[in-house]
Amino acid sequence: MSVAPGERLCLVGRNGSGKSTFLKMAAGLIEPDSGEVFVQPGTTVAYLPQEPDLTGFDTVLDYVEAGLSPQTELHVAQTLLSELGLVGDEDPTSMSGGERRRAALVRELASEPDVLLLDEPTNHLDLPAIEWLEKRLKARRGAYVLISHDRRFLENLSSAVVWIDLGRTLRMDKGFAHFDDWRDDIIEQDATERHKLNRKIVRETAWLHKGVTARRKRNMGRLRALMDLRQKRQDQRQRAGDVTITANEAETSGKRVIEAKNISKSFDGRAVVAPFSTRIVRGDRVGIIGPNGAGKTTLVRMLTGTLEPDEGNVKIGTSVEMASLDQGRIELSETLTLQDALTDGSGDSVIVGGVQKHVVGYMKDFLFDPVQAKTPVSRLSGGERGRLMLARAMTRPGNLLVLDEPTNDLDLETLDLLQEMISDYAGTVILVSHDRDFLDRIVTSVINYEGDGRWQEYAGGYRDMVAQRGAGMITDAKLANAETPKKKTASKPVGGSSSTKLKMSYKDKYALETLPDTMAKLEVEIAALEGKLADPNLFTKDPDAFQTATDSLTEKVKALSDAEEEWLRIEMLREEIEAQN
C-alpha cells in the first residue's frame, strides 16, 4: 500500500482478514515479518486505534494534550472537544465508549498530521458525530486511510480502495461506491483461474498414470512441474463462504402489532419521551434514530411493553412474539463456549426456521470454524461476537424482531446478508441504528429525535427523513432544548397543500373524542366472540351459532381495524396542527 499526499484511501476486507494488523504495521506499532514500511522524512503520521486507551490520565484534556504536536495550540483541541460535546474535565474512567472515541478523535485531528490512520473511527459514535467527522475529514488537506464498515461513510470520503483478500492487497483507484462491482469481477476471475489450474492438474495426472517411460529426463521434469501445480493449489487460500442467515419465525401476528397513544417518560424531571403516538402494523420496518443519550432504548422498551410509560398507553397486538438483539452484547458470560452460547447449554442442536440443525452446521452458516465450538466467548474478536449475537437472536422464535445496533462490528458482506434477511422477514422489525445506508435499505419509516423529548415519525429511510425535515439530526443530546428546523413536509401527509394551514373539522374533533370508547367496546366484543369460538364442541352442537359467531367476529375485527386507522389519521392531523402553531 502506498499513500500519496492528500489521498483519501479506505481499507476493506472481511473480519479477521488482517486490516487492523496491516494498519498497525503502517503506523509502526507492529514490526512486519518481512518487507518494509517507509515514511518520507518530515512526514507526520497519526493513528486512531479501534479501542482508545485513556488509562493513566486524570482528565480528557490531559489525554488529548499528551498526543498533540509541539506546534499545536491547546485552544484548537479545546474547540474540537466543545464541538463534540465534551468539556475536557471529564474523568476517563467514567466515560462511555462514544465519549472515549470522541476524545481520541480530537487527539489525532487537532495536530493536523500529514497522514491520518483511522481504525473504525465511527464505532460507538452517534449519527450527529459521524456527520461531524465526515465534514472534518472532507476539509482536511492531509491524507488519510480509513477502516470502516459504514458504507455511506466510505462512499462519502474515499477516492481509492485497498481490499485485503486471501492474504493479498488489491487496489482500485476509484471511490468505494464502485467497490462491489470491482470485487465481484475479481472473485469471478479467481474462480476461473482456479478452475483452469484444476483442469491442468487433471490432465497432467492422467499423463502420469499412463506410465510413460521414454526420455525419462524430460518426463521427470514434467513430474516436478505437476508437483509444483499441486503445491500451488494447496497453497491457495480458499475464500470463506457467505454467512447464511435465517430467522426463526413464530406464527403470524395480527395486523396491529403495536399501538402507542400519547406515551411519555421523564427521568429526574427531564422529558425523555414527550407525548408520542404511533401505530406499527405487521410487516413494518421502523428505524429509530437520535444522538446518544436521547432515549432511543427507553422509547423501544415502552413500545415493546417492557417499560411502563408515565402517561399514555401501549397496546401489543395478538400473537406477537418478540426476539431481540441487545446492543451491549452483555448477556453472555466470558467463560461460556460458543456452542453453549448458541444452544443455551442444552444439547448440540438448534432450531432455525422450524428446522433442527446441528450446532456445528449452524456455526458454519455464520463463518465459524467447527474447531471453535469449545472456544470461550472471551477469545472471540469484536466481529465474531457480533456474528455470535446475531446467530443467537435468529434462533429465538418471534414475529417482532427488535435489533439494537445490529451492524456493530459486522463486515460488509455480513451486513449485506443481514439486510436481505430482514427484507425477506415475514414479521415486523424495529431497528435502532446509526448506519445511514443500512437504514435507507431497510426501513419503511424513521422515528427521529427532535429535541426536548419530542419524537417524530417520517415515511421512508434516513435520506427521506432529511429531505422532509429540511436538515439532518439534532447535533447532540446536550443540545436537546435547541430550536430544531421546521419540516418541509409532513411525515405522513394527511391531505391539503403544504402552504395551507391545516384545520380540524367538527366531525374530526367528535371522532377523536368518541373513537377510543368505540375501539374499547369493539375489543370487548371481539374477546367475547373469541371466547365463544374457543369451545371445541360449538360447531358440533350448534353449527348455525358457530357460523353466526364467526361472521360477527370477522365484522367486528374489520370495524376495529377501520376505527384504529381513522383514529390514527385524526391523531396525526392534530399533531400537524399543533406543529403549525
Foldseek 3Di string as FASTA:
>chain_A
DDWDWQAEEEEAEAVPLCPLVVLCVQVVNDPDPDDDHDDDPPAFEEEQHPQDDPPPDQWLLRVLVVLADPVFDSVLLCVQCVLQPHRTRDGVVPDDRQNSLSSSCSSRPRNLGQEYEYEASCPPFAQLVLVVVLVSQVPRRHYYYYYHQQQVSQQSGHQKYWYRFQNDTDIDRGTPVCVVVVVVVVVVVVVVVLVVLVVVLVVLVVVVVVPDPPPPVVVVVSVVVSVVSVVVNVSRDDGADFAAAFFAADPAFAQWFKWWFQFWADDPPFTLAGGDTDTDTWPAAEEEGAGPPSCSVVVVCQRVVNDPGPDTHMDGGGPFDEFEQDPVLPPFDQQDALQCLQVVPPDQWAAANNRIDGNLVNCSSLPDHSVRRRPGNNPDDFLRSLSSSSSNSRRDYGQEYEYEASVPNGHNSNLVNVLVNLNPRRGYYYYYHSRQVSQQSHGQKYWYQQARNYIAIAGGGQVRVCQQQVHHHDNHNVCRVPHGGHGPHHRDDLDDDPVDQDDDDPVLVVLLVCLVVVLVVLVVLLVVLVVVLVPPCCCVVPVVVNVVSVVVNVVSVVVNVVSVVSNVSSVSSVVVNVSVD
